[in-house]
C-alpha atoms as a PDB file:
ATOM      1  CA  MET A   1       1.077 -20.426  40.594  1.00  0.00           C
ATOM      2  CA  GLY A   2      -2.316 -18.841  41.138  1.00  0.00           C
ATOM      3  CA  GLY A   3      -5.538 -19.758  39.437  1.00  0.00           C
ATOM      4  CA  ARG A   4      -9.277 -19.172  39.499  1.00  0.00           C
ATOM      5  CA  PHE A   5     -11.673 -21.880  40.619  1.00  0.00           C
ATOM      6  CA  ASP A   6     -15.410 -22.289  40.197  1.00  0.00           C
ATOM      7  CA  SER A   7     -17.812 -22.991  43.088  1.00  0.00           C
ATOM      8  CA  ARG A   8     -16.898 -26.677  42.922  1.00  0.00           C
ATOM      9  CA  GLY A   9     -13.169 -26.003  43.390  1.00  0.00           C
ATOM     10  CA  VAL A  10     -12.266 -26.856  39.788  1.00  0.00           C
ATOM     11  CA  PRO A  11      -9.642 -24.684  38.009  1.00  0.00           C
ATOM     12  CA  SER A  12     -11.482 -22.598  35.428  1.00  0.00           C
ATOM     13  CA  GLU A  13      -8.881 -23.224  32.722  1.00  0.00           C
ATOM     14  CA  ALA A  14      -9.368 -26.995  32.998  1.00  0.00           C
ATOM     15  CA  GLN A  15     -13.158 -27.180  32.877  1.00  0.00           C
ATOM     16  CA  GLY A  16     -13.499 -27.481  29.106  1.00  0.00           C
ATOM     17  CA  ALA A  17     -11.519 -30.713  28.897  1.00  0.00           C
ATOM     18  CA  LEU A  18     -12.724 -32.428  32.068  1.00  0.00           C
ATOM     19  CA  SER A  19     -15.660 -34.815  31.941  1.00  0.00           C
ATOM     20  CA  ASP A  20     -18.659 -34.226  34.212  1.00  0.00           C
ATOM     21  CA  ALA A  21     -17.741 -37.372  36.157  1.00  0.00           C
ATOM     22  CA  MET A  22     -14.233 -36.094  36.794  1.00  0.00           C
ATOM     23  CA  ILE A  23     -15.468 -32.656  37.847  1.00  0.00           C
ATOM     24  CA  SER A  24     -17.957 -34.246  40.213  1.00  0.00           C
ATOM     25  CA  ALA A  25     -15.210 -36.401  41.699  1.00  0.00           C
ATOM     26  CA  MET A  26     -12.890 -33.431  42.087  1.00  0.00           C
ATOM     27  CA  ALA A  27     -15.603 -31.505  43.955  1.00  0.00           C
ATOM     28  CA  ASP A  28     -17.096 -34.278  46.084  1.00  0.00           C
ATOM     29  CA  PRO A  29     -18.221 -32.598  49.365  1.00  0.00           C
ATOM     30  CA  VAL A  30     -18.201 -35.753  51.521  1.00  0.00           C
ATOM     31  CA  THR A  31     -15.153 -37.868  50.713  1.00  0.00           C
ATOM     32  CA  PRO A  32     -11.810 -36.333  51.810  1.00  0.00           C
ATOM     33  CA  PRO A  33     -10.166 -34.496  48.879  1.00  0.00           C
ATOM     34  CA  ALA A  34      -6.917 -36.461  49.094  1.00  0.00           C
ATOM     35  CA  VAL A  35      -8.927 -39.628  48.412  1.00  0.00           C
ATOM     36  CA  ILE A  36     -11.532 -38.571  45.874  1.00  0.00           C
ATOM     37  CA  ASN A  37      -9.883 -35.626  44.140  1.00  0.00           C
ATOM     38  CA  PRO A  38      -7.354 -37.084  41.693  1.00  0.00           C
ATOM     39  CA  ALA A  39      -5.424 -33.850  41.260  1.00  0.00           C
ATOM     40  CA  SER A  40      -5.172 -33.391  45.032  1.00  0.00           C
ATOM     41  CA  ALA A  41      -4.015 -36.996  45.378  1.00  0.00           C
ATOM     42  CA  LEU A  42      -1.115 -36.327  43.020  1.00  0.00           C
ATOM     43  CA  VAL A  43      -0.215 -33.047  44.708  1.00  0.00           C
ATOM     44  CA  GLU A  44      -0.132 -34.753  48.097  1.00  0.00           C
ATOM     45  CA  ALA A  45       1.908 -37.664  46.724  1.00  0.00           C
ATOM     46  CA  TRP A  46       4.509 -35.268  45.338  1.00  0.00           C
ATOM     47  CA  ARG A  47       4.570 -33.225  48.542  1.00  0.00           C
ATOM     48  CA  THR A  48       5.166 -36.265  50.739  1.00  0.00           C
ATOM     49  CA  ARG A  49       7.244 -38.189  48.164  1.00  0.00           C
ATOM     50  CA  ILE A  50       5.059 -41.252  48.435  1.00  0.00           C
ATOM     51  CA  ARG A  51       3.888 -43.408  45.537  1.00  0.00           C
ATOM     52  CA  ILE A  52       0.289 -44.399  44.808  1.00  0.00           C
ATOM     53  CA  ASP A  53      -1.355 -47.289  42.943  1.00  0.00           C
ATOM     54  CA  GLY A  54      -3.001 -44.882  40.541  1.00  0.00           C
ATOM     55  CA  LEU A  55      -5.822 -42.377  40.459  1.00  0.00           C
ATOM     56  CA  PRO A  56      -9.329 -43.440  41.549  1.00  0.00           C
ATOM     57  CA  HIS A  57     -10.785 -45.537  38.707  1.00  0.00           C
ATOM     58  CA  HIS A  58     -14.001 -43.525  38.435  1.00  0.00           C
ATOM     59  CA  SER A  59     -12.107 -40.248  38.041  1.00  0.00           C
ATOM     60  CA  ARG A  60      -9.069 -41.201  35.972  1.00  0.00           C
ATOM     61  CA  PRO A  61      -8.490 -38.993  32.933  1.00  0.00           C
ATOM     62  CA  GLN A  62      -9.752 -40.554  29.727  1.00  0.00           C
ATOM     63  CA  GLY A  63      -7.474 -39.590  26.864  1.00  0.00           C
ATOM     64  CA  ARG A  64      -4.766 -37.005  26.391  1.00  0.00           C
ATOM     65  CA  ALA A  65      -7.010 -33.924  26.625  1.00  0.00           C
ATOM     66  CA  GLU A  66      -8.298 -34.912  30.063  1.00  0.00           C
ATOM     67  CA  GLY A  67      -4.750 -35.807  31.097  1.00  0.00           C
ATOM     68  CA  TYR A  68      -3.548 -32.313  30.218  1.00  0.00           C
ATOM     69  CA  ALA A  69      -6.538 -30.740  31.970  1.00  0.00           C
ATOM     70  CA  MET A  70      -5.728 -32.669  35.123  1.00  0.00           C
ATOM     71  CA  GLN A  71      -2.051 -31.723  34.808  1.00  0.00           C
ATOM     72  CA  LEU A  72      -3.114 -28.081  34.893  1.00  0.00           C
ATOM     73  CA  ALA A  73      -5.263 -28.805  37.942  1.00  0.00           C
ATOM     74  CA  VAL A  74      -2.304 -30.469  39.682  1.00  0.00           C
ATOM     75  CA  VAL A  75      -0.068 -27.451  39.087  1.00  0.00           C
ATOM     76  CA  THR A  76      -2.783 -24.994  40.098  1.00  0.00           C
ATOM     77  CA  LEU A  77      -3.578 -26.861  43.302  1.00  0.00           C
ATOM     78  CA  SER A  78       0.120 -27.146  44.152  1.00  0.00           C
ATOM     79  CA  GLY A  79       0.402 -23.361  44.290  1.00  0.00           C
ATOM     80  CA  GLU A  80       3.800 -23.576  42.578  1.00  0.00           C
ATOM     81  CA  ALA A  81       5.093 -21.511  39.702  1.00  0.00           C
ATOM     82  CA  THR A  82       6.102 -23.204  36.470  1.00  0.00           C
ATOM     83  CA  PHE A  83       9.400 -22.590  34.724  1.00  0.00           C
ATOM     84  CA  GLY A  84       8.771 -24.282  31.408  1.00  0.00           C
ATOM     85  CA  TRP A  85       8.117 -27.660  29.807  1.00  0.00           C
ATOM     86  CA  LYS A  86       9.597 -31.095  29.257  1.00  0.00           C
ATOM     87  CA  ILE A  87       8.947 -33.639  26.539  1.00  0.00           C
ATOM     88  CA  ALA A  88       8.784 -37.284  27.556  1.00  0.00           C
ATOM     89  CA  ALA A  89       8.911 -40.395  25.369  1.00  0.00           C
ATOM     90  CA  THR A  90      10.685 -38.864  22.387  1.00  0.00           C
ATOM     91  CA  SER A  91      11.972 -42.206  21.096  1.00  0.00           C
ATOM     92  CA  VAL A  92      10.098 -45.298  19.964  1.00  0.00           C
ATOM     93  CA  ALA A  93      11.945 -47.317  22.603  1.00  0.00           C
ATOM     94  CA  GLY A  94      10.918 -44.843  25.299  1.00  0.00           C
ATOM     95  CA  GLN A  95       7.297 -44.900  24.159  1.00  0.00           C
ATOM     96  CA  ARG A  96       7.217 -48.695  24.269  1.00  0.00           C
ATOM     97  CA  HIS A  97       8.878 -48.700  27.686  1.00  0.00           C
ATOM     98  CA  ILE A  98       6.083 -46.705  29.325  1.00  0.00           C
ATOM     99  CA  GLY A  99       3.285 -47.866  27.026  1.00  0.00           C
ATOM    100  CA  VAL A 100       2.334 -44.631  25.270  1.00  0.00           C
ATOM    101  CA  SER A 101       1.456 -43.828  21.670  1.00  0.00           C
ATOM    102  CA  GLY A 102       3.671 -40.762  21.273  1.00  0.00           C
ATOM    103  CA  PRO A 103       5.504 -37.947  23.067  1.00  0.00           C
ATOM    104  CA  LEU A 104       4.043 -36.359  26.199  1.00  0.00           C
ATOM    105  CA  ALA A 105       4.319 -32.746  27.361  1.00  0.00           C
ATOM    106  CA  GLY A 106       4.782 -31.903  31.019  1.00  0.00           C
ATOM    107  CA  ARG A 107       5.129 -28.688  32.989  1.00  0.00           C
ATOM    108  CA  VAL A 108       8.413 -28.179  34.879  1.00  0.00           C
ATOM    109  CA  LEU A 109       7.912 -26.580  38.281  1.00  0.00           C
ATOM    110  CA  ALA A 110      10.239 -23.746  39.201  1.00  0.00           C
ATOM    111  CA  SER A 111      11.155 -25.501  42.451  1.00  0.00           C
ATOM    112  CA  ARG A 112      12.515 -28.445  40.469  1.00  0.00           C
ATOM    113  CA  PHE A 113      14.686 -26.395  38.105  1.00  0.00           C
ATOM    114  CA  GLN A 114      18.214 -26.222  39.503  1.00  0.00           C
ATOM    115  CA  SER A 115      21.515 -24.668  38.535  1.00  0.00           C
ATOM    116  CA  ASN A 116      24.593 -26.540  37.369  1.00  0.00           C
ATOM    117  CA  LYS A 117      26.871 -28.489  39.739  1.00  0.00           C
ATOM    118  CA  THR A 118      24.196 -28.794  42.376  1.00  0.00           C
ATOM    119  CA  ARG A 119      23.023 -31.562  44.701  1.00  0.00           C
ATOM    120  CA  ALA A 120      19.698 -33.301  44.170  1.00  0.00           C
ATOM    121  CA  SER A 121      17.859 -35.806  46.333  1.00  0.00           C
ATOM    122  CA  LEU A 122      16.691 -39.216  45.105  1.00  0.00           C
ATOM    123  CA  ARG A 123      14.435 -39.696  48.136  1.00  0.00           C
ATOM    124  CA  GLY A 124      11.184 -41.260  46.999  1.00  0.00           C
ATOM    125  CA  ASN A 125      12.258 -41.364  43.347  1.00  0.00           C
ATOM    126  CA  ALA A 126      10.620 -44.249  41.497  1.00  0.00           C
ATOM    127  CA  MET A 127      12.622 -44.165  38.267  1.00  0.00           C
ATOM    128  CA  ARG A 128      16.200 -43.612  39.482  1.00  0.00           C
ATOM    129  CA  VAL A 129      17.713 -42.674  36.139  1.00  0.00           C
ATOM    130  CA  ALA A 130      19.441 -39.605  34.704  1.00  0.00           C
ATOM    131  CA  GLU A 131      18.853 -38.283  31.203  1.00  0.00           C
ATOM    132  CA  ALA A 132      20.946 -35.971  28.998  1.00  0.00           C
ATOM    133  CA  GLU A 133      18.756 -33.440  27.205  1.00  0.00           C
ATOM    134  CA  PHE A 134      18.965 -30.318  25.079  1.00  0.00           C
ATOM    135  CA  GLY A 135      17.437 -27.285  26.733  1.00  0.00           C
ATOM    136  CA  PHE A 136      16.089 -24.219  24.949  1.00  0.00           C
ATOM    137  CA  ARG A 137      15.006 -20.836  26.248  1.00  0.00           C
ATOM    138  CA  ILE A 138      12.133 -19.271  24.335  1.00  0.00           C
ATOM    139  CA  ALA A 139      12.859 -15.685  23.274  1.00  0.00           C
ATOM    140  CA  ARG A 140       9.394 -14.699  22.067  1.00  0.00           C
ATOM    141  CA  ASP A 141       5.879 -16.088  22.322  1.00  0.00           C
ATOM    142  CA  LEU A 142       5.096 -18.948  19.950  1.00  0.00           C
ATOM    143  CA  ARG A 143       1.465 -18.286  19.123  1.00  0.00           C
ATOM    144  CA  PRO A 144      -0.271 -19.645  15.997  1.00  0.00           C
ATOM    145  CA  ILE A 145       0.262 -17.508  12.920  1.00  0.00           C
ATOM    146  CA  SER A 146      -2.122 -19.390  10.605  1.00  0.00           C
ATOM    147  CA  ASP A 147      -4.325 -22.473  10.543  1.00  0.00           C
ATOM    148  CA  SER A 148      -1.262 -24.552   9.653  1.00  0.00           C
ATOM    149  CA  PRO A 149       1.107 -26.006  12.268  1.00  0.00           C
ATOM    150  CA  LEU A 150       4.220 -24.003  13.027  1.00  0.00           C
ATOM    151  CA  SER A 151       7.254 -25.098  11.025  1.00  0.00           C
ATOM    152  CA  VAL A 152      10.645 -25.951  12.486  1.00  0.00           C
ATOM    153  CA  ALA A 153      12.058 -22.746  10.999  1.00  0.00           C
ATOM    154  CA  GLU A 154       9.286 -20.635  12.579  1.00  0.00           C
ATOM    155  CA  VAL A 155       9.817 -22.220  15.976  1.00  0.00           C
ATOM    156  CA  MET A 156      13.601 -21.980  15.919  1.00  0.00           C
ATOM    157  CA  ALA A 157      13.386 -18.303  14.957  1.00  0.00           C
ATOM    158  CA  ALA A 158      11.733 -17.747  18.351  1.00  0.00           C
ATOM    159  CA  VAL A 159      14.457 -19.542  20.324  1.00  0.00           C
ATOM    160  CA  GLY A 160      17.137 -17.743  22.315  1.00  0.00           C
ATOM    161  CA  PRO A 161      19.961 -19.655  24.007  1.00  0.00           C
ATOM    162  CA  VAL A 162      20.451 -23.403  24.223  1.00  0.00           C
ATOM    163  CA  PHE A 163      21.909 -25.269  27.197  1.00  0.00           C
ATOM    164  CA  PRO A 164      22.898 -28.808  28.256  1.00  0.00           C
ATOM    165  CA  ALA A 165      20.571 -30.329  30.821  1.00  0.00           C
ATOM    166  CA  ILE A 166      20.153 -33.347  33.060  1.00  0.00           C
ATOM    167  CA  GLU A 167      16.725 -34.545  34.026  1.00  0.00           C
ATOM    168  CA  ILE A 168      16.092 -36.877  36.943  1.00  0.00           C
ATOM    169  CA  PRO A 169      12.544 -37.948  35.979  1.00  0.00           C
ATOM    170  CA  ASP A 170      10.087 -39.324  38.492  1.00  0.00           C
ATOM    171  CA  SER A 171       6.522 -40.556  38.835  1.00  0.00           C
ATOM    172  CA  ARG A 172       4.135 -40.864  41.746  1.00  0.00           C
ATOM    173  CA  TYR A 173       2.730 -44.158  40.446  1.00  0.00           C
ATOM    174  CA  LEU A 174       3.931 -47.488  41.804  1.00  0.00           C
ATOM    175  CA  ASP A 175       3.429 -48.964  38.322  1.00  0.00           C
ATOM    176  CA  PHE A 176       4.377 -46.064  36.080  1.00  0.00           C
ATOM    177  CA  LEU A 177       5.080 -48.501  33.235  1.00  0.00           C
ATOM    178  CA  GLY A 178       1.424 -49.543  33.191  1.00  0.00           C
ATOM    179  CA  ALA A 179      -0.264 -46.291  34.177  1.00  0.00           C
ATOM    180  CA  GLY A 180      -1.099 -45.282  30.599  1.00  0.00           C
ATOM    181  CA  GLU A 181      -0.491 -41.987  28.858  1.00  0.00           C
ATOM    182  CA  ALA A 182      -3.462 -40.048  30.295  1.00  0.00           C
ATOM    183  CA  GLN A 183      -2.397 -40.725  33.894  1.00  0.00           C
ATOM    184  CA  LEU A 184       1.252 -40.061  33.048  1.00  0.00           C
ATOM    185  CA  ILE A 185       0.343 -36.709  31.484  1.00  0.00           C
ATOM    186  CA  ALA A 186      -1.609 -35.826  34.629  1.00  0.00           C
ATOM    187  CA  ASP A 187       1.536 -36.657  36.621  1.00  0.00           C
ATOM    188  CA  LEU A 188       3.409 -33.847  34.782  1.00  0.00           C
ATOM    189  CA  ALA A 189       4.661 -36.396  32.210  1.00  0.00           C
ATOM    190  CA  CYS A 190       7.082 -37.704  34.858  1.00  0.00           C
ATOM    191  CA  ALA A 191       8.764 -34.307  35.228  1.00  0.00           C
ATOM    192  CA  GLY A 192      11.336 -34.508  37.996  1.00  0.00           C
ATOM    193  CA  ILE A 193      14.395 -32.420  38.754  1.00  0.00           C
ATOM    194  CA  VAL A 194      16.107 -30.501  35.932  1.00  0.00           C
ATOM    195  CA  ILE A 195      19.738 -29.388  36.211  1.00  0.00           C
ATOM    196  CA  ALA A 196      20.718 -26.747  33.670  1.00  0.00           C
ATOM    197  CA  GLY A 197      24.190 -25.965  32.400  1.00  0.00           C
ATOM    198  CA  ALA A 198      25.274 -22.571  31.124  1.00  0.00           C
ATOM    199  CA  GLU A 199      23.196 -21.037  28.336  1.00  0.00           C
ATOM    200  CA  THR A 200      24.832 -20.127  25.037  1.00  0.00           C
ATOM    201  CA  GLU A 201      23.772 -18.528  21.776  1.00  0.00           C
ATOM    202  CA  TYR A 202      26.764 -19.932  19.927  1.00  0.00           C
ATOM    203  CA  GLY A 203      28.205 -23.276  18.789  1.00  0.00           C
ATOM    204  CA  TRP A 204      24.966 -24.785  17.487  1.00  0.00           C
ATOM    205  CA  SER A 205      22.849 -24.835  14.365  1.00  0.00           C
ATOM    206  CA  ARG A 206      19.246 -23.667  14.363  1.00  0.00           C
ATOM    207  CA  THR A 207      18.690 -25.789  11.256  1.00  0.00           C
ATOM    208  CA  GLY A 208      19.171 -29.022  13.147  1.00  0.00           C
ATOM    209  CA  LEU A 209      20.922 -30.778  16.025  1.00  0.00           C
ATOM    210  CA  ALA A 210      20.390 -34.398  14.998  1.00  0.00           C
ATOM    211  CA  ASN A 211      24.106 -35.073  14.593  1.00  0.00           C
ATOM    212  CA  HIS A 212      25.249 -33.257  17.720  1.00  0.00           C
ATOM    213  CA  ARG A 213      27.001 -35.811  19.937  1.00  0.00           C
ATOM    214  CA  VAL A 214      26.217 -36.204  23.634  1.00  0.00           C
ATOM    215  CA  SER A 215      28.040 -38.242  26.291  1.00  0.00           C
ATOM    216  CA  ALA A 216      27.007 -39.170  29.830  1.00  0.00           C
ATOM    217  CA  PHE A 217      29.387 -39.979  32.697  1.00  0.00           C
ATOM    218  CA  ARG A 218      28.679 -41.529  36.083  1.00  0.00           C
ATOM    219  CA  ASN A 219      31.375 -41.129  38.739  1.00  0.00           C
ATOM    220  CA  GLY A 220      33.866 -40.250  36.019  1.00  0.00           C
ATOM    221  CA  ASP A 221      33.137 -43.276  33.820  1.00  0.00           C
ATOM    222  CA  LEU A 222      31.625 -42.953  30.355  1.00  0.00           C
ATOM    223  CA  VAL A 223      28.337 -44.877  30.560  1.00  0.00           C
ATOM    224  CA  ALA A 224      26.267 -43.701  27.578  1.00  0.00           C
ATOM    225  CA  GLU A 225      26.647 -41.942  24.255  1.00  0.00           C
ATOM    226  CA  GLY A 226      24.096 -40.655  21.806  1.00  0.00           C
ATOM    227  CA  SER A 227      23.047 -37.709  19.699  1.00  0.00           C
ATOM    228  CA  GLY A 228      20.243 -35.270  19.143  1.00  0.00           C
ATOM    229  CA  ALA A 229      18.681 -37.760  16.735  1.00  0.00           C
ATOM    230  CA  ASN A 230      17.349 -39.699  19.725  1.00  0.00           C
ATOM    231  CA  ALA A 231      14.894 -36.878  20.526  1.00  0.00           C
ATOM    232  CA  LEU A 232      12.176 -37.280  17.862  1.00  0.00           C
ATOM    233  CA  GLY A 233      14.907 -37.350  15.219  1.00  0.00           C
ATOM    234  CA  ASP A 234      16.135 -33.869  16.169  1.00  0.00           C
ATOM    235  CA  PRO A 235      15.659 -31.659  19.268  1.00  0.00           C
ATOM    236  CA  CYS A 236      14.494 -28.866  16.955  1.00  0.00           C
ATOM    237  CA  VAL A 237      11.739 -31.166  15.649  1.00  0.00           C
ATOM    238  CA  ALA A 238      10.852 -32.141  19.224  1.00  0.00           C
ATOM    239  CA  LEU A 239      10.561 -28.475  20.238  1.00  0.00           C
ATOM    240  CA  THR A 240       8.338 -27.838  17.216  1.00  0.00           C
ATOM    241  CA  TRP A 241       6.140 -30.780  18.205  1.00  0.00           C
ATOM    242  CA  LEU A 242       5.700 -29.254  21.659  1.00  0.00           C
ATOM    243  CA  ALA A 243       4.869 -25.806  20.289  1.00  0.00           C
ATOM    244  CA  ASN A 244       2.120 -27.279  18.118  1.00  0.00           C
ATOM    245  CA  GLU A 245       0.885 -29.651  20.845  1.00  0.00           C
ATOM    246  CA  LEU A 246       0.352 -26.682  23.169  1.00  0.00           C
ATOM    247  CA  ILE A 247      -1.384 -24.653  20.473  1.00  0.00           C
ATOM    248  CA  GLY A 248      -3.762 -27.571  19.991  1.00  0.00           C
ATOM    249  CA  LEU A 249      -4.576 -27.337  23.705  1.00  0.00           C
ATOM    250  CA  GLY A 250      -5.228 -23.599  23.515  1.00  0.00           C
ATOM    251  CA  LEU A 251      -1.834 -22.806  25.087  1.00  0.00           C
ATOM    252  CA  PHE A 252       1.487 -21.541  23.760  1.00  0.00           C
ATOM    253  CA  LEU A 253       5.177 -21.440  24.605  1.00  0.00           C
ATOM    254  CA  ALA A 254       5.819 -18.074  26.217  1.00  0.00           C
ATOM    255  CA  ALA A 255       8.899 -15.883  26.096  1.00  0.00           C
ATOM    256  CA  GLY A 256      11.236 -16.717  28.950  1.00  0.00           C
ATOM    257  CA  GLU A 257      10.098 -20.309  29.366  1.00  0.00           C
ATOM    258  CA  VAL A 258      12.575 -23.165  29.046  1.00  0.00           C
ATOM    259  CA  VAL A 259      12.024 -26.510  27.337  1.00  0.00           C
ATOM    260  CA  ILE A 260      13.944 -29.763  27.628  1.00  0.00           C
ATOM    261  CA  THR A 261      13.353 -31.974  24.619  1.00  0.00           C
ATOM    262  CA  GLY A 262      13.945 -35.576  25.682  1.00  0.00           C
ATOM    263  CA  THR A 263      16.916 -37.767  26.390  1.00  0.00           C
ATOM    264  CA  CYS A 264      19.688 -38.110  23.825  1.00  0.00           C
ATOM    265  CA  VAL A 265      21.183 -41.188  25.513  1.00  0.00           C
ATOM    266  CA  VAL A 266      19.819 -44.362  27.040  1.00  0.00           C
ATOM    267  CA  PRO A 267      18.686 -43.341  30.555  1.00  0.00           C
ATOM    268  CA  VAL A 268      21.534 -43.899  33.020  1.00  0.00           C
ATOM    269  CA  PRO A 269      20.702 -45.860  36.209  1.00  0.00           C
ATOM    270  CA  VAL A 270      21.721 -43.852  39.274  1.00  0.00           C
ATOM    271  CA  ALA A 271      21.910 -44.202  43.056  1.00  0.00           C
ATOM    272  CA  GLU A 272      22.616 -42.012  46.059  1.00  0.00           C
ATOM    273  CA  GLY A 273      26.214 -40.767  46.019  1.00  0.00           C
ATOM    274  CA  ASP A 274      26.580 -40.836  42.244  1.00  0.00           C
ATOM    275  CA  VAL A 275      27.958 -37.842  40.384  1.00  0.00           C
ATOM    276  CA  VAL A 276      26.436 -37.514  36.906  1.00  0.00           C
ATOM    277  CA  MET A 277      27.924 -35.319  34.196  1.00  0.00           C
ATOM    278  CA  VAL A 278      26.697 -34.816  30.641  1.00  0.00           C
ATOM    279  CA  ASP A 279      28.976 -33.437  27.939  1.00  0.00           C
ATOM    280  CA  PHE A 280      27.490 -31.649  24.934  1.00  0.00           C
ATOM    281  CA  GLY A 281      30.826 -30.700  23.346  1.00  0.00           C
ATOM    282  CA  THR A 282      30.740 -27.117  22.129  1.00  0.00           C
ATOM    283  CA  LEU A 283      27.554 -26.497  24.131  1.00  0.00           C
ATOM    284  CA  GLY A 284      29.201 -27.294  27.444  1.00  0.00           C
ATOM    285  CA  GLN A 285      28.464 -29.604  30.342  1.00  0.00           C
ATOM    286  CA  ALA A 286      26.046 -30.064  33.219  1.00  0.00           C
ATOM    287  CA  SER A 287      26.553 -32.075  36.395  1.00  0.00           C
ATOM    288  CA  VAL A 288      24.775 -33.082  39.587  1.00  0.00           C
ATOM    289  CA  THR A 289      25.621 -34.965  42.782  1.00  0.00           C
ATOM    290  CA  LEU A 290      22.783 -37.248  43.903  1.00  0.00           C
ATOM    291  CA  THR A 291      21.926 -37.543  47.587  1.00  0.00           C
ATOM    292  CA  ASP A 292      19.429 -39.481  49.699  1.00  0.00           C
END
């Protein structure tokens, strides 16, 4: 992913939400960038699959807006293309688990979006869980049409196919449970590897997926069951939340992007050698073999 930078090396799109202290830290001419530049520190941690204590205290994002600005800086500095978005912490239990006040949006890098029945490495993964999620492909841009938030009906009218997905989330923080929502947002909202099943336009209701049942299997054994209701009450509601969250940030969901809307089952603990399969009934299945 390309991007324009000012003379201090700060992505132009992020400048409005970054504090002067953070911009100064990100452009420090003396201290090595991997130490002082928080976005660079995260990029390097992802590249090398190491974990860090946290971002430098004097340059940590303060609040959600700065977290999203730093997330953009991380993606821009990585040079990678994005494929879409994920939503983290879509249940009250999930929010309490990682200590956040509500859902978080994170960019999914194209390099981490994989096809069905693939192999994925757990090397360096801090969370070591698999999640079963609804995936949506956006068919047309979801820009604001008035001063009011987009409705569920307006958002779903812009959706193309749906697909079953597995996410293997991850974080670069040693203590991701105590990092706080601004740092977690900067860390792509714990976006890890996404495995996508086949897309379909049929077998689902655009008016709601709360009651759609989902099952998760590990090495052939049923280990978790749930429904769409676990994702903000309904994956369609979760997708609408994301569309409006991005509009509030001056962004929008673009045609062709994909979105995964949060786990429908209790996250399944996994280890190297496990085969994980999620079954979405009429919407099909997705599976992955986990390696070291």
